[in-house]
C-alpha cells in the first residue's frame, strides 16, 4: 500500500507527507493526523490549510473527509484555530 491509497491523499498531499518524513501509510497512522499536520507545516508547507488537516483526519479514519463526524470536525477546527 502507498500513501496515495489512503482516502483523500492525492499526489500533492503524498508529496507533503514524504517531505515531512512519512514514507508509508503505516508511518502516517503511527503519527496521527494532527502530528502529521504540524510536521507538514514545519517541514513542507507552512501555509497548509484546514482542508489539508481534514483530508489527513479522514485518511487516518479511513473515510472521505466529507464523512468526518461533526464533533470531530469541530475538534479539528479548534485545533487548527489554536495554531
Protein backbone atom coordinates (compact mmCIF):
# COMPACT_ATOMS: atom_id res chain seq x y z
CA UNK A 1 0.00 0.00 0.00
CA UNK A 2 1.22 3.50 -0.84
CA UNK A 3 0.35 6.90 0.60
CA UNK A 4 -1.99 7.65 -2.31
CA UNK A 5 -4.00 4.53 -1.46
CA UNK A 6 -5.22 6.33 1.67
CA UNK A 7 -8.55 8.18 1.35
CA UNK A 8 -8.13 11.88 0.50
CA UNK A 9 -4.41 11.55 -0.33
CA UNK A 10 -3.51 12.58 -3.84
CA UNK A 11 -0.09 13.27 -5.33
CA UNK A 12 0.33 16.72 -3.74
CA UNK A 13 -0.57 15.62 -0.21
CA UNK A 14 1.54 12.47 -0.62
CA UNK A 15 4.50 14.68 -1.57
CA UNK A 16 3.93 16.81 1.55
CA UNK A 17 3.82 13.64 3.65
CA UNK A 18 7.13 12.47 2.18
CA UNK A 19 8.70 15.89 2.72
CA UNK A 20 7.59 15.62 6.36
CA UNK A 21 9.41 12.28 6.68
CA UNK A 22 6.48 9.89 6.22
CA UNK A 23 7.00 7.27 3.54
CA UNK A 24 4.25 4.72 4.19
CA UNK A 25 0.63 4.60 5.39
CA UNK A 26 1.98 2.88 8.50
CA UNK A 27 4.27 5.86 9.21
CA UNK A 28 1.26 8.15 8.80
CA UNK A 29 -1.02 6.12 11.07
CA UNK A 30 1.67 5.85 13.76
CA UNK A 31 2.00 9.64 13.91
CA UNK A 32 -1.68 10.60 13.60
CA UNK A 33 -3.32 13.37 11.61
CA UNK A 34 -2.67 16.26 13.98
CA UNK A 35 1.03 15.46 14.44
CA UNK A 36 1.41 14.94 10.70
CA UNK A 37 -0.25 18.30 10.01
CA UNK A 38 2.21 20.01 12.35
CA UNK A 39 5.12 18.29 10.58
CA UNK A 40 3.79 19.34 7.17
CA UNK A 41 3.52 22.93 8.36
CA UNK A 42 7.06 22.84 9.77
CA UNK A 43 8.83 20.90 7.02
CA UNK A 44 6.85 21.02 3.78
CA UNK A 45 4.14 23.68 3.55
CA UNK A 46 3.87 26.43 6.18
CA UNK A 47 0.60 27.56 4.57
CA UNK A 48 -1.15 24.18 4.92
CA UNK A 49 -4.86 24.90 5.38
CA UNK A 50 -7.80 23.46 7.30
CA UNK A 51 -8.81 21.41 4.25
CA UNK A 52 -5.46 19.63 4.34
CA UNK A 53 -6.00 18.88 8.04
CA UNK A 54 -9.45 17.41 7.36
CA UNK A 55 -8.03 15.35 4.49
CA UNK A 56 -5.44 13.93 6.88
CA UNK A 57 -8.03 13.25 9.57
CA UNK A 58 -10.22 11.42 7.07
CA UNK A 59 -7.25 9.40 5.88
CA UNK A 60 -6.47 8.46 9.47
CA UNK A 61 -10.08 7.32 9.95
CA UNK A 62 -10.16 5.61 6.55
CA UNK A 63 -13.03 7.74 5.29
CA UNK A 64 -13.60 10.63 2.86
CA UNK A 65 -13.14 13.97 4.60
CA UNK A 66 -16.79 14.83 3.93
CA UNK A 67 -17.77 11.88 6.15
CA UNK A 68 -15.92 13.12 9.24
CA UNK A 69 -18.46 13.41 12.09
CA UNK A 70 -19.43 16.96 13.04
CA UNK A 71 -17.96 16.62 16.54
CA UNK A 72 -14.58 15.57 15.16
CA UNK A 73 -14.67 18.32 12.55
CA UNK A 74 -15.33 20.87 15.32
CA UNK A 75 -12.38 19.49 17.30
CA UNK A 76 -10.19 19.76 14.20
CA UNK A 77 -11.33 23.37 13.71
CA UNK A 78 -10.44 24.20 17.31
CA UNK A 79 -7.02 22.57 16.87
CA UNK A 80 -6.40 24.46 13.62
CA UNK A 81 -7.52 27.78 15.10
CA UNK A 82 -5.17 27.29 18.05
CA UNK A 83 -2.12 27.25 15.77
